Protein backbone atom coordinates (compact mmCIF):
# COMPACT_ATOMS: atom_id res chain seq x y z
CA UNK A 1 0.00 0.00 0.00
CA UNK A 2 1.24 3.49 -0.79
CA UNK A 3 0.14 7.03 -0.04
CA UNK A 4 -1.86 7.21 -3.26
CA UNK A 5 -3.93 4.06 -2.76
CA UNK A 6 -4.17 4.27 1.05
CA UNK A 7 -7.52 5.46 2.36
CA UNK A 8 -7.68 8.79 4.13
CA UNK A 9 -10.34 11.42 4.67
CA UNK A 10 -10.02 15.04 3.56
CA UNK A 11 -12.50 17.57 4.90
CA UNK A 12 -14.37 19.33 2.06
CA UNK A 13 -12.72 22.72 2.54
CA UNK A 14 -9.28 21.07 2.23
CA UNK A 15 -9.91 19.27 -1.07
CA UNK A 16 -7.48 21.61 -2.81
CA UNK A 17 -4.80 20.57 -0.31
CA UNK A 18 -5.12 16.85 -1.01
CA UNK A 19 -1.43 16.65 -1.97
CA UNK A 20 -0.47 17.61 1.59
CA UNK A 21 -2.69 14.83 2.92
CA UNK A 22 -1.01 12.35 0.60
CA UNK A 23 2.41 13.54 1.79
CA UNK A 24 1.43 13.11 5.44
CA UNK A 25 0.09 9.63 4.71
CA UNK A 26 3.28 8.79 2.79
CA UNK A 27 5.41 9.82 5.78
CA UNK A 28 3.28 7.78 8.16
CA UNK A 29 3.48 4.65 6.02
CA UNK A 30 7.22 5.03 5.45
CA UNK A 31 8.10 5.75 9.07
CA UNK A 32 5.87 2.96 10.33
CA UNK A 33 7.61 0.52 8.00
CA UNK A 34 11.11 1.62 9.06
CA UNK A 35 10.41 1.61 12.79
CA UNK A 36 7.57 -0.84 13.38
CA UNK A 37 8.44 -3.48 10.79
CA UNK A 38 12.21 -3.17 10.23
CA UNK A 39 12.82 -2.14 13.84
CA UNK A 40 15.48 0.49 13.14
CA UNK A 41 16.44 2.82 15.99
CA UNK A 42 16.63 5.97 13.85
CA UNK A 43 16.06 7.20 10.32
CA UNK A 44 17.32 10.03 8.11
CA UNK A 45 14.52 11.51 6.04
CA UNK A 46 15.26 13.40 2.85
CA UNK A 47 13.35 14.31 -0.28
CA UNK A 48 13.92 13.50 -3.93
CA UNK A 49 14.36 17.16 -4.89
CA UNK A 50 17.32 17.68 -2.52
CA UNK A 51 21.06 17.43 -3.11
CA UNK A 52 23.24 16.34 -0.21
CA UNK A 53 26.62 17.66 0.95
CA UNK A 54 29.79 15.51 0.88
CA UNK A 55 29.64 15.22 4.68
CA UNK A 56 25.86 14.65 4.89
CA UNK A 57 26.15 11.17 6.40
CA UNK A 58 29.17 12.14 8.50
CA UNK A 59 27.09 14.94 10.02
CA UNK A 60 24.24 12.66 10.97
CA UNK A 61 26.55 9.89 12.22
CA UNK A 62 28.26 12.32 14.57
CA UNK A 63 25.09 13.91 15.92
CA UNK A 64 23.02 10.74 16.35
CA UNK A 65 24.21 10.13 19.93
CA UNK A 66 23.01 13.60 20.97
CA UNK A 67 19.41 12.45 20.58
CA UNK A 68 19.99 9.74 23.19
CA UNK A 69 22.07 11.90 25.52
CA UNK A 70 19.72 14.91 25.60
CA UNK A 71 15.97 14.45 25.79
CA UNK A 72 15.46 18.18 25.19
CA UNK A 73 16.38 17.41 21.55
CA UNK A 74 13.94 15.79 19.18
CA UNK A 75 15.64 15.97 15.80
CA UNK A 76 18.78 16.70 13.83
CA UNK A 77 18.27 18.86 10.74
CA UNK A 78 20.56 19.37 7.75
CA UNK A 79 18.91 22.66 6.77
CA UNK A 80 19.46 26.30 7.72
CA UNK A 81 16.42 28.38 6.77
CA UNK A 82 18.63 31.48 6.74
CA UNK A 83 21.46 29.70 4.95
CA UNK A 84 21.81 32.05 1.99
CA UNK A 85 25.31 32.91 0.83
CA UNK A 86 25.27 36.43 2.30
CA UNK A 87 23.84 35.36 5.69
CA UNK A 88 26.33 32.69 6.77
CA UNK A 89 29.97 32.37 7.80
CA UNK A 90 31.42 30.24 5.02
CA UNK A 91 34.67 29.90 6.97
CA UNK A 92 32.95 27.90 9.70
CA UNK A 93 31.40 24.83 8.04
CA UNK A 94 31.78 22.94 11.33
CA UNK A 95 29.53 25.35 13.26
CA UNK A 96 26.31 23.84 14.65
CA UNK A 97 23.46 25.32 16.69
CA UNK A 98 20.45 24.37 18.72
CA UNK A 99 17.16 25.60 17.26
CA UNK A 100 13.58 25.70 18.55
CA UNK A 101 12.38 25.71 14.94
CA UNK A 102 11.89 22.44 13.07
CA UNK A 103 13.20 23.07 9.57
CA UNK A 104 13.06 19.57 8.05
CA UNK A 105 14.47 19.26 4.52
CA UNK A 106 16.86 16.48 5.50
CA UNK A 107 16.44 15.42 9.12
CA UNK A 108 16.87 12.56 11.56
CA UNK A 109 14.49 11.19 14.18
CA UNK A 110 14.53 8.23 16.57
CA UNK A 111 12.17 5.34 17.11
CA UNK A 112 11.45 6.77 20.55
CA UNK A 113 10.04 9.91 18.93
CA UNK A 114 8.08 7.82 16.44
CA UNK A 115 6.53 5.81 19.27
CA UNK A 116 5.33 9.13 20.69
CA UNK A 117 4.14 10.74 17.45
CA UNK A 118 3.10 7.78 15.31
CA UNK A 119 -0.21 7.09 17.10
CA UNK A 120 -1.27 10.73 16.76
CA UNK A 121 0.21 11.42 13.29
CA UNK A 122 -1.92 14.04 11.49
CA UNK A 123 -3.90 13.50 8.31
CA UNK A 124 -2.27 16.50 6.65
CA UNK A 125 0.27 19.30 7.02
CA UNK A 126 2.54 17.13 9.17
CA UNK A 127 5.41 19.68 9.19
CA UNK A 128 3.31 22.50 10.64
CA UNK A 129 1.90 20.02 13.14
CA UNK A 130 5.32 18.91 14.38
CA UNK A 131 6.29 22.58 14.89
CA UNK A 132 3.39 23.21 17.22
CA UNK A 133 4.57 23.34 20.81
CA UNK A 134 1.88 20.91 21.93
CA UNK A 135 3.93 18.40 19.92
CA UNK A 136 7.38 19.98 20.20
CA UNK A 137 7.08 20.35 23.99
CA UNK A 138 9.88 22.93 24.16
CA UNK A 139 12.32 20.50 22.54
CA UNK A 140 14.94 21.66 20.07
CA UNK A 141 16.71 20.48 16.94
CA UNK A 142 20.35 20.69 15.92
CA UNK A 143 20.99 22.62 12.71
CA UNK A 144 24.15 23.68 10.82
CA UNK A 145 25.53 27.10 9.91
CA UNK A 146 25.88 25.85 6.32
CA UNK A 147 23.15 23.54 5.05
CA UNK A 148 23.95 19.90 4.35
CA UNK A 149 21.09 19.70 1.86
CA UNK A 150 20.36 21.95 -1.09
CA UNK A 151 17.28 22.38 -3.24
CA UNK A 152 17.46 21.26 -6.87
CA UNK A 153 15.43 22.68 -9.74
CA UNK A 154 12.97 19.83 -9.18
CA UNK A 155 11.87 21.63 -6.01
CA UNK A 156 10.06 24.12 -8.20
CA UNK A 157 7.60 21.36 -9.10
CA UNK A 158 6.86 20.37 -5.50
CA UNK A 159 3.61 20.35 -3.55
CA UNK A 160 3.78 24.09 -2.96
CA UNK A 161 4.23 24.63 -6.71
CA UNK A 162 7.49 26.49 -6.32
CA UNK A 163 6.34 28.63 -3.38
CA UNK A 164 9.38 30.65 -2.23
CA UNK A 165 11.59 28.60 -4.57
CA UNK A 166 13.18 31.41 -6.59
CA UNK A 167 13.37 33.90 -3.72
CA UNK A 168 14.42 31.50 -1.00
CA UNK A 169 14.86 27.74 -1.35
CA UNK A 170 17.08 27.84 -4.42
CA UNK A 171 19.40 30.36 -2.72
CA UNK A 172 20.27 28.22 0.31
CA UNK A 173 23.97 27.38 0.01
CA UNK A 174 24.93 23.70 0.05
CA UNK A 175 28.11 22.94 1.99
CA UNK A 176 31.00 21.72 -0.17
CA UNK A 177 33.71 21.23 2.48
CA UNK A 178 33.92 17.84 4.19
CA UNK A 179 33.96 18.22 7.96
CA UNK A 180 35.07 15.25 10.07
CA UNK A 181 32.25 15.69 12.55
CA UNK A 182 32.86 12.27 14.10
CA UNK A 183 36.31 13.52 15.16
CA UNK A 184 34.83 16.57 16.92
CA UNK A 185 33.51 16.84 20.46
CA UNK A 186 29.89 17.88 19.97
CA UNK A 187 28.88 17.75 23.62
CA UNK A 188 28.77 21.54 23.61
CA UNK A 189 25.39 21.12 21.91
CA UNK A 190 23.85 19.43 24.94
CA UNK A 191 21.46 21.80 26.68
CA UNK A 192 23.34 21.63 29.98
CA UNK A 193 26.50 22.86 28.21
CA UNK A 194 24.97 25.06 25.53
CA UNK A 195 22.45 27.46 27.03
CA UNK A 196 24.63 29.39 29.46
CA UNK A 197 27.48 29.80 26.96
CA UNK A 198 25.12 30.77 24.15
CA UNK A 199 23.22 33.36 26.18
CA UNK A 200 26.43 34.81 27.57
CA UNK A 201 27.80 35.19 24.06
CA UNK A 202 24.61 36.81 22.80
CA UNK A 203 24.00 39.23 25.65
CA UNK A 204 27.63 40.24 26.08
CA UNK A 205 27.69 41.38 22.45
CA UNK A 206 27.50 45.17 22.06
CA UNK A 207 23.93 46.36 21.55
CA UNK A 208 23.31 48.54 18.52
CA UNK A 209 20.21 50.67 18.31
CA UNK A 210 19.37 49.82 14.72
CA UNK A 211 20.42 47.68 11.80
CA UNK A 212 21.33 50.83 9.86
CA UNK A 213 24.27 51.31 12.24
CA UNK A 214 25.95 48.31 10.64
CA UNK A 215 26.36 50.28 7.44
CA UNK A 216 26.93 53.69 9.00
CA UNK A 217 29.67 52.68 11.44
CA UNK A 218 33.09 51.20 10.81
CA UNK A 219 33.00 47.69 12.22
CA UNK A 220 36.24 47.02 14.07
CA UNK A 221 37.54 43.55 14.99
CA UNK A 222 36.38 44.19 18.57
CA UNK A 223 32.82 44.69 17.38
CA UNK A 224 32.67 41.88 14.83
CA UNK A 225 29.83 40.50 16.97
CA UNK A 226 26.79 42.70 17.63
CA UNK A 227 23.29 42.39 19.03
CA UNK A 228 20.08 43.93 17.73
CA UNK A 229 17.15 43.88 20.13
CA UNK A 230 13.48 43.38 19.30
CA UNK A 231 10.53 43.84 21.63
CA UNK A 232 7.42 43.70 19.43
CA UNK A 233 6.26 41.75 16.40
CA UNK A 234 6.45 44.84 14.21
CA UNK A 235 9.94 45.55 15.50
CA UNK A 236 11.08 42.01 14.66
CA UNK A 237 9.58 42.09 11.17
CA UNK A 238 11.33 45.37 10.41
CA UNK A 239 14.70 43.94 11.48
CA UNK A 240 14.09 40.72 9.52
CA UNK A 241 13.27 42.66 6.37
CA UNK A 242 16.33 44.88 6.74
CA UNK A 243 18.65 41.91 7.19
CA UNK A 244 16.80 39.84 4.56
CA UNK A 245 16.28 36.87 6.87
CA UNK A 246 13.10 34.79 6.88
CA UNK A 247 10.30 36.74 8.54
CA UNK A 248 7.67 34.10 9.20
CA UNK A 249 6.79 32.19 12.37
CA UNK A 250 5.40 28.78 13.22
CA UNK A 251 3.48 28.72 16.49
CA UNK A 252 5.25 31.96 17.38
CA UNK A 253 8.78 30.65 16.73
CA UNK A 254 10.86 32.55 14.13
CA UNK A 255 12.81 30.37 11.72
CA UNK A 256 16.13 29.14 13.21
CA UNK A 257 15.42 30.80 16.59
CA UNK A 258 16.73 29.43 19.87
CA UNK A 259 15.54 30.97 23.13
CA UNK A 260 14.15 33.78 21.00
CA UNK A 261 17.52 34.50 19.38
CA UNK A 262 18.13 34.41 15.61
CA UNK A 263 21.64 34.73 14.24
CA UNK A 264 23.14 35.59 10.87
CA UNK A 265 26.55 36.63 9.55
CA UNK A 266 26.76 39.63 7.21
CA UNK A 267 29.91 41.25 5.83
CA UNK A 268 32.11 39.65 8.47
CA UNK A 269 29.86 40.59 11.38
CA UNK A 270 28.04 38.04 13.54
CA UNK A 271 24.62 39.48 14.30
CA UNK A 272 22.31 38.26 17.05
CA UNK A 273 18.69 39.35 16.78
CA UNK A 274 17.56 38.91 20.36
CA UNK A 275 14.66 39.75 22.66
CA UNK A 276 15.12 41.77 25.83
CA UNK A 277 16.10 38.93 28.16
CA UNK A 278 14.84 40.85 31.20
CA UNK A 279 11.27 40.74 29.96
CA UNK A 280 11.17 37.82 27.50
CA UNK A 281 8.90 35.07 28.82
CA UNK A 282 8.88 32.73 25.84
CA UNK A 283 7.45 32.60 22.35
CA UNK A 284 4.10 34.24 21.66
CA UNK A 285 1.98 31.89 19.56
CA UNK A 286 -0.03 34.90 18.38
CA UNK A 287 2.98 36.33 16.56
CA UNK A 288 2.43 35.80 12.86
CA UNK A 289 3.88 37.59 9.87
CA UNK A 290 1.22 39.18 7.65
CA UNK A 291 0.87 37.71 4.18
CA UNK A 292 3.08 39.39 1.62
């Protein structure tokens, strides 16, 4: 049985989204087969319109143990939603992050997660569903500075009919440098080691009052790391548009965010877009970017 012949019900107002229901059913059948029948402990999920980096399997091999060691993680992703050429540090292909945003597009999950999610797998729109915090439960993913998957031209023919393809997906840079991840100590990514160091790095960075200052001021080596603060939805959207990072949210979480912080690297400057830590109380599920 496959996702095309398998029976599923689509509510009348979603008939035009039937492809997304077929995709969700396809995932359920495939994951059930891998975990329930073949009894594998983990699986890497990719798509037929993606290229993979030379160190794609090395990356997943090295990070697999993190999913067992840290139950605040629920996936490893190969994709950086803000991984365009002008937003990343190409000199640091080994750099990895924690992220509260599930990006998919080449990712790994465990049988333990499947045992949790399989019985409640949705009929459609599985990726939006898995990003909802009722499912995510404040867990994070690991994601790279430079993506280990890249979109091919075939992605233009996908379920979304090329939505964002030209402006976004096709511009995500695919890593070309092999990193021996299995030789690296990745325990810094465990929550107990990561959070304090990450927040200290972010909030010790000099605060600039606006993104425009990056172009108006001479950036010295001492200020090659800066912080831009947001307090409102409108404030965040303005910063996102100025920096040309993704501006949308899923259940209130900006793409690539961790503890409310989004990072990018522009013209040799590491930029942290961060909330006011003194008043930030978590993601606001009501935050949603208006349709463009």
